[in-house]
Protein backbone atom coordinates (compact mmCIF):
# COMPACT_ATOMS: atom_id res chain seq x y z
CA MET A 1 0.12 -0.05 0.09
CA VAL A 2 1.94 3.01 -1.19
CA LEU A 3 0.53 6.18 -0.70
CA PRO A 4 0.66 9.26 -2.90
CA SER A 5 2.16 12.16 -1.85
CA THR A 6 -0.10 15.04 -0.40
CA PRO A 7 0.40 18.40 1.46
CA GLU A 8 -0.41 16.33 4.61
CA ARG A 9 2.00 13.40 3.82
CA PRO A 10 4.28 14.90 1.22
CA PHE A 11 6.56 11.85 1.61
CA GLY A 12 3.73 9.56 1.81
CA ALA A 13 3.16 7.82 5.49
CA LEU A 14 5.80 4.90 5.90
CA LEU A 15 9.38 5.51 5.21
CA THR A 16 12.20 3.43 6.16
CA ALA A 17 15.56 4.93 7.26
CA MET A 18 17.38 2.33 5.20
CA ALA A 19 20.70 0.74 6.04
CA THR A 20 23.71 1.23 3.64
CA PRO A 21 24.79 -2.46 2.61
CA MET A 22 28.60 -2.64 2.46
CA THR A 23 30.59 -5.58 1.31
CA ARG A 24 32.75 -7.58 3.61
CA ASP A 25 35.84 -5.46 3.13
CA GLY A 26 33.73 -2.36 4.09
CA ALA A 27 33.21 -0.64 0.65
CA LEU A 28 29.64 0.55 -0.41
CA ASP A 29 27.65 -2.01 -2.05
CA LEU A 30 25.31 -0.44 -4.61
CA GLU A 31 24.10 -3.75 -6.01
CA ALA A 32 23.00 -5.02 -2.78
CA ALA A 33 21.58 -1.41 -1.75
CA VAL A 34 19.36 -1.53 -5.02
CA LYS A 35 18.34 -5.10 -3.79
CA LEU A 36 17.24 -3.80 -0.53
CA ALA A 37 15.37 -0.74 -1.68
CA LYS A 38 13.43 -2.63 -4.07
CA LYS A 39 12.44 -4.91 -1.49
CA LEU A 40 11.55 -2.27 1.02
CA VAL A 41 9.28 -0.67 -1.50
CA ASP A 42 7.66 -3.92 -2.47
CA ASP A 43 6.83 -4.43 1.16
CA GLY A 44 4.97 -1.53 1.33
CA ASN A 45 7.02 1.68 2.00
CA ASP A 46 5.80 4.84 0.43
CA GLY A 47 9.43 6.52 0.97
CA LEU A 48 13.29 5.71 1.91
CA VAL A 49 15.48 7.86 3.70
CA LEU A 50 19.04 7.38 2.58
CA ASN A 51 22.16 8.66 4.26
CA GLY A 52 20.76 8.73 7.67
CA THR A 53 22.03 7.41 10.98
CA THR A 54 20.94 4.04 10.48
CA GLY A 55 22.57 4.67 6.92
CA GLU A 56 26.01 5.22 8.71
CA SER A 57 25.84 8.78 7.49
CA PRO A 58 28.80 9.77 9.72
CA VAL A 59 31.17 7.32 7.97
CA THR A 60 30.16 7.46 4.43
CA HIS A 61 31.78 9.92 2.41
CA ALA A 62 30.63 12.48 -0.24
CA PRO A 63 30.81 10.45 -3.50
CA GLU A 64 29.38 7.38 -1.58
CA LYS A 65 26.48 9.40 -0.55
CA ALA A 66 25.56 10.57 -3.99
CA GLU A 67 26.18 7.21 -5.64
CA LEU A 68 23.93 5.75 -3.27
CA VAL A 69 20.87 8.22 -3.92
CA ALA A 70 21.36 7.95 -7.68
CA ALA A 71 21.24 3.90 -7.45
CA VAL A 72 18.36 4.00 -5.65
CA VAL A 73 16.48 6.69 -7.31
CA GLU A 74 16.97 4.96 -10.78
CA ALA A 75 15.94 1.45 -9.09
CA VAL A 76 12.47 2.79 -7.29
CA GLY A 77 12.53 6.64 -7.83
CA ASP A 78 9.12 6.34 -9.68
CA ARG A 79 7.43 4.34 -6.75
CA ALA A 80 8.58 5.93 -3.91
CA ALA A 81 9.88 9.31 -2.50
CA ILE A 82 13.56 9.10 -1.95
CA VAL A 83 14.75 11.64 0.87
CA ALA A 84 18.45 12.01 1.44
CA GLY A 85 20.14 12.72 4.58
CA ALA A 86 22.00 15.95 4.40
CA GLY A 87 22.92 17.20 8.01
CA SER A 88 26.37 17.86 9.83
CA ASN A 89 27.36 20.57 12.53
CA ASP A 90 28.93 22.20 9.51
CA THR A 91 26.40 24.80 7.49
CA ALA A 92 28.77 25.09 4.69
CA HIS A 93 29.23 21.00 4.67
CA THR A 94 25.59 20.39 4.87
CA ILE A 95 24.81 23.06 2.07
CA ARG A 96 27.02 20.81 -0.10
CA MET A 97 25.50 17.74 1.10
CA ALA A 98 22.19 18.91 -0.08
CA GLU A 99 23.21 20.51 -3.26
CA GLN A 100 24.91 16.77 -4.05
CA ALA A 101 21.63 14.88 -3.34
CA ALA A 102 19.48 17.11 -5.38
CA ALA A 103 22.12 16.47 -8.19
CA ALA A 104 21.71 12.75 -7.67
CA GLY A 105 17.76 12.81 -8.10
CA ALA A 106 16.64 12.88 -4.58
CA ASP A 107 12.91 14.17 -3.92
CA GLY A 108 13.66 15.70 -0.68
CA LEU A 109 16.15 16.21 2.07
CA LEU A 110 16.29 15.13 5.85
CA VAL A 111 18.25 18.02 7.66
CA VAL A 112 19.13 17.21 11.23
CA SER A 113 19.91 19.76 14.02
CA PRO A 114 23.58 20.47 13.99
CA TYR A 115 24.97 18.35 16.56
CA TYR A 116 27.69 18.76 19.30
CA SER A 117 28.09 22.26 18.76
CA ARG A 118 24.50 22.85 20.47
CA PRO A 119 23.72 26.22 18.54
CA THR A 120 21.29 28.65 19.77
CA GLN A 121 17.71 28.55 18.35
CA GLU A 122 18.55 31.52 16.02
CA GLY A 123 21.77 29.70 15.18
CA LEU A 124 19.22 26.77 14.18
CA TYR A 125 17.07 28.67 12.24
CA GLN A 126 19.73 30.35 10.41
CA HIS A 127 21.17 27.05 9.41
CA PHE A 128 18.24 25.36 8.40
CA THR A 129 17.21 28.49 6.30
CA ALA A 130 20.55 28.36 4.65
CA VAL A 131 20.22 24.75 3.43
CA ALA A 132 16.91 25.03 2.53
CA ALA A 133 17.73 28.03 0.02
CA ALA A 134 20.66 25.88 -1.53
CA THR A 135 18.37 23.75 -3.44
CA ASP A 136 14.68 23.76 -4.58
CA LEU A 137 13.77 20.44 -2.77
CA PRO A 138 11.10 20.08 -0.23
CA VAL A 139 12.93 19.77 3.56
CA MET A 140 11.96 17.23 6.50
CA LEU A 141 13.84 18.58 9.53
CA TYR A 142 14.99 16.22 12.02
CA ASP A 143 14.76 17.19 15.74
CA ILE A 144 16.80 14.45 17.80
CA PRO A 145 18.10 16.29 21.04
CA GLY A 146 19.22 12.94 22.45
CA ARG A 147 22.16 12.74 19.60
CA ALA A 148 22.29 16.70 18.40
CA GLY A 149 22.41 17.74 22.05
CA VAL A 150 19.97 20.47 21.24
CA ARG A 151 16.32 20.64 20.86
CA ILE A 152 14.17 22.76 17.92
CA ALA A 153 11.92 25.04 20.19
CA PRO A 154 8.17 25.03 19.24
CA GLU A 155 8.82 29.02 18.27
CA THR A 156 11.67 28.03 15.90
CA PHE A 157 9.49 25.49 14.26
CA VAL A 158 6.78 28.41 13.87
CA ARG A 159 9.25 30.62 12.12
CA LEU A 160 10.52 27.83 9.77
CA ALA A 161 6.98 26.84 8.76
CA GLU A 162 6.76 30.13 7.28
CA ASN A 163 9.00 29.19 4.58
CA PRO A 164 7.38 26.91 2.18
CA ARG A 165 10.25 24.64 1.60
CA PHE A 166 9.84 23.61 5.02
CA VAL A 167 7.38 20.60 4.98
CA ALA A 168 8.06 18.15 7.36
CA ASN A 169 9.69 17.22 10.49
CA LYS A 170 10.82 13.80 11.77
CA ASP A 171 10.42 14.02 15.79
CA ALA A 172 12.80 11.70 17.70
CA THR A 173 12.13 13.66 21.14
CA GLY A 174 9.40 11.27 22.45
CA ASP A 175 7.29 14.49 23.28
CA VAL A 176 3.79 13.57 21.90
CA TRP A 177 2.00 16.42 23.75
CA SER A 178 4.27 18.99 22.07
CA ALA A 179 4.16 17.51 18.72
CA ALA A 180 0.11 17.97 19.20
CA GLN A 181 0.70 21.83 19.66
CA VAL A 182 3.48 22.32 17.16
CA ILE A 183 1.39 20.31 14.40
CA GLU A 184 -1.74 22.53 15.46
CA ALA A 185 0.59 25.67 15.06
CA THR A 186 2.51 25.04 12.03
CA GLY A 187 0.57 22.68 9.83
CA LEU A 188 4.07 20.63 9.18
CA ALA A 189 3.81 17.25 8.17
CA TRP A 190 4.88 15.20 11.44
CA TYR A 191 7.13 11.95 11.29
CA SER A 192 7.50 9.89 14.50
CA GLY A 193 11.23 9.12 14.59
CA ASP A 194 10.37 6.48 17.23
CA ASP A 195 9.06 3.01 16.20
CA GLY A 196 7.53 2.59 19.40
CA LEU A 197 5.61 5.94 19.13
CA LEU A 198 3.88 5.33 15.81
CA LEU A 199 0.28 5.16 17.22
CA PRO A 200 0.60 7.82 19.47
CA PHE A 201 1.82 10.16 16.90
CA LEU A 202 -0.90 9.44 14.58
CA SER A 203 -3.38 9.95 17.22
CA VAL A 204 -2.29 13.57 17.45
CA GLY A 205 -2.42 14.46 13.72
CA GLY A 206 1.12 12.84 12.84
CA ALA A 207 1.65 11.91 9.09
CA GLY A 208 3.31 8.60 9.84
CA ILE A 209 7.00 7.41 10.63
CA VAL A 210 10.58 7.41 9.45
CA SER A 211 11.24 3.74 10.69
CA VAL A 212 13.94 1.22 11.82
CA ALA A 213 11.96 -1.73 12.24
CA ALA A 214 10.25 -1.39 8.91
CA HIS A 215 13.39 -2.95 7.39
CA VAL A 216 11.67 -6.04 8.57
CA VAL A 217 8.00 -5.25 9.29
CA ALA A 218 6.81 -2.99 6.70
CA PRO A 219 3.97 -4.71 5.72
CA TRP A 220 2.65 -4.81 9.21
CA TYR A 221 3.32 -1.21 9.43
CA ALA A 222 1.34 -0.23 6.52
CA GLU A 223 -1.67 -2.52 7.79
CA VAL A 224 -1.24 -0.40 11.01
CA ILE A 225 -1.51 2.83 9.11
CA ARG A 226 -4.38 1.94 7.03
CA LEU A 227 -6.23 0.45 9.78
CA TRP A 228 -5.71 3.72 11.76
CA ASP A 229 -6.84 5.97 8.65
CA ALA A 230 -10.23 3.78 8.12
CA GLY A 231 -11.03 4.62 11.73
CA ASP A 232 -10.50 1.21 13.02
CA HIS A 233 -7.96 1.95 15.98
CA THR A 234 -8.92 -1.26 17.64
CA LYS A 235 -7.16 -3.34 15.14
CA ALA A 236 -4.52 -0.87 14.43
CA LEU A 237 -3.34 -1.64 17.83
CA ALA A 238 -3.74 -5.14 17.51
CA ALA A 239 -1.72 -4.85 14.31
CA PHE A 240 0.93 -2.88 15.94
CA ARG A 241 1.27 -5.12 18.87
CA ARG A 242 2.66 -8.00 16.44
CA ALA A 243 5.83 -5.60 15.91
CA ILE A 244 6.60 -5.01 19.39
CA PRO A 245 9.31 -7.82 19.71
CA VAL A 246 10.97 -6.52 16.78
CA ILE A 247 10.92 -3.10 17.71
CA SER A 248 12.55 -3.96 20.85
CA ALA A 249 15.22 -6.06 19.33
CA LEU A 250 16.06 -3.62 16.81
CA ASN A 251 16.02 -0.60 18.86
CA GLY A 252 16.39 -1.82 22.31
CA THR A 253 20.17 -1.20 22.65
CA GLY A 254 20.40 2.06 20.76
CA ALA A 255 22.71 0.11 18.23
CA GLN A 256 19.83 0.48 15.24
CA ALA A 257 22.31 0.25 12.15
CA VAL A 258 23.95 -2.82 13.79
CA MET A 259 20.85 -4.57 14.54
CA THR A 260 19.24 -3.90 11.42
CA LYS A 261 22.00 -5.11 9.37
CA ALA A 262 21.98 -8.60 11.59
CA ALA A 263 18.35 -8.81 10.91
CA LEU A 264 18.72 -8.51 7.02
CA GLN A 265 21.50 -10.80 7.02
CA ALA A 266 19.46 -13.09 8.95
CA GLN A 267 16.61 -13.16 6.37
CA GLY A 268 18.91 -13.41 3.21
CA VAL A 269 18.27 -10.00 2.23
CA LEU A 270 21.78 -9.10 2.71
CA ASP A 271 24.95 -11.02 2.27
CA SER A 272 26.94 -9.00 4.71
CA ARG A 273 26.31 -7.43 7.95
CA THR A 274 29.56 -5.22 7.73
CA LEU A 275 29.49 -1.87 9.56
CA ARG A 276 32.19 0.88 9.53
CA LEU A 277 33.86 1.62 12.76
CA PRO A 278 32.84 2.96 15.51
CA ASN A 279 30.05 0.66 14.76
CA VAL A 280 30.67 -3.15 14.77
CA ALA A 281 29.03 -5.93 13.76
CA ALA A 282 26.68 -7.81 16.10
CA SER A 283 27.86 -10.42 18.08
CA ASP A 284 26.86 -14.21 17.57
CA HIS A 285 25.14 -14.11 21.02
CA GLU A 286 23.20 -10.60 19.71
CA VAL A 287 22.53 -12.49 16.35
CA ALA A 288 21.16 -15.74 18.12
CA THR A 289 18.73 -13.60 20.14
CA LEU A 290 17.60 -11.71 17.22
CA ARG A 291 16.88 -14.73 15.27
CA ALA A 292 14.89 -16.24 18.04
CA VAL A 293 12.69 -13.14 18.07
CA LEU A 294 12.49 -13.06 14.19
CA THR A 295 11.38 -16.86 14.17
CA ALA A 296 8.88 -16.57 17.23
CA VAL A 297 6.94 -13.79 15.30
CA GLY A 298 7.23 -15.72 11.98
CA LEU A 299 9.75 -13.58 10.16
CA LEU A 300 12.40 -16.34 10.12
CA GLU A 301 12.10 -19.93 9.38
CA GLN A 302 12.51 -22.31 12.17
CA ASP A 303 15.31 -24.12 9.92
CA ALA A 304 16.91 -21.16 8.29
CA THR A 305 20.62 -21.57 7.44
CA PRO A 306 22.97 -21.18 10.31
CA MET A 307 25.20 -18.06 10.49
CA SER A 308 28.13 -17.70 8.24
CA PRO A 309 31.66 -17.85 9.26
CA PRO A 310 33.39 -14.31 10.11
CA GLU A 311 33.23 -11.59 7.55
CA LEU A 312 36.54 -10.12 8.47
CA PRO A 313 39.79 -11.36 9.83
CA GLU A 314 40.70 -10.16 13.41
CA GLU A 315 43.53 -7.75 12.21
CA ALA A 316 42.43 -4.19 10.93
CA THR A 317 42.29 -3.54 7.48
CA THR A 318 42.20 -0.29 5.63
CA ILE A 319 39.54 0.23 2.72
CA VAL A 320 38.62 3.00 0.46
CA GLY A 321 40.56 5.34 2.56
CA HIS A 322 38.79 4.47 5.47
CA PRO A 323 39.20 2.36 8.84
CA ALA A 324 38.49 -1.28 8.78
CA ILE A 325 34.91 -2.09 9.58
CA ALA A 326 33.42 -5.04 11.36
CA GLN A 327 34.87 -7.17 14.20
CA PRO A 328 34.70 -10.78 13.71
CA ARG A 329 31.50 -12.57 14.58
């Protein structure tokens, strides 16, 4: 169920913050990325967010980011909205990433609050405004104070919403009450940035979700949203509850990129669960626990293929000008 773009849902309702597949030696794997993107859209995603945190954006380089966007746009761009992450704590760098994403064919930008430097609200406003002016693409803001160290204030959202380039926000604050007020004040499309809060955000006028768990439960989430839109909230809750063990398994430790790749490898979607440092691949114990969850909810066959041998030797390796990636499993 892929939803068309509307002002209320400019990027659809269900988007996955897509993992960035890598080969066993840590190089960008565009073939695997195209395969994954097609699967996610086939499973019911209205859009894909590339080069976000789950996509390991801090450790991929500008040419890789652009190549990934271009490859996925070519593969599924006519069937889903492709939103490119373009965010850093350097406004000039963020602008360059936005321009490169636009040139690669992205349909929109996801721009996170500048992290670590903790700018003032005026600094946030000027940063976002400068990035939005760099391209003609619609912008989804990304408010995640737990990682950025600063929260976008309601008054700043109101100011930003006066600019038609800003159409949405990905909310990872966990503050549903504030979201209800800012949605009312701004008219921005509001996407939950937390898998566990899909229904609470829908209940206060949210547009949908930018999800991690939808890597493996997209059809379930699509059904939740369909039932919610139809007014059958009891069945929507029942449908959502099916996904709770998976949400916990993928998000519980805060290592979403790590556990997502482990899940995709367990399902046979990816050949490798390699990550670039400082993230390391899930351990054998973590994978076994995850596989048990996926099996229990029917997302993995009981007799699934056992884990493959370690992907990398213990010694460090250098690839594409980048430190070696995964730890041995």
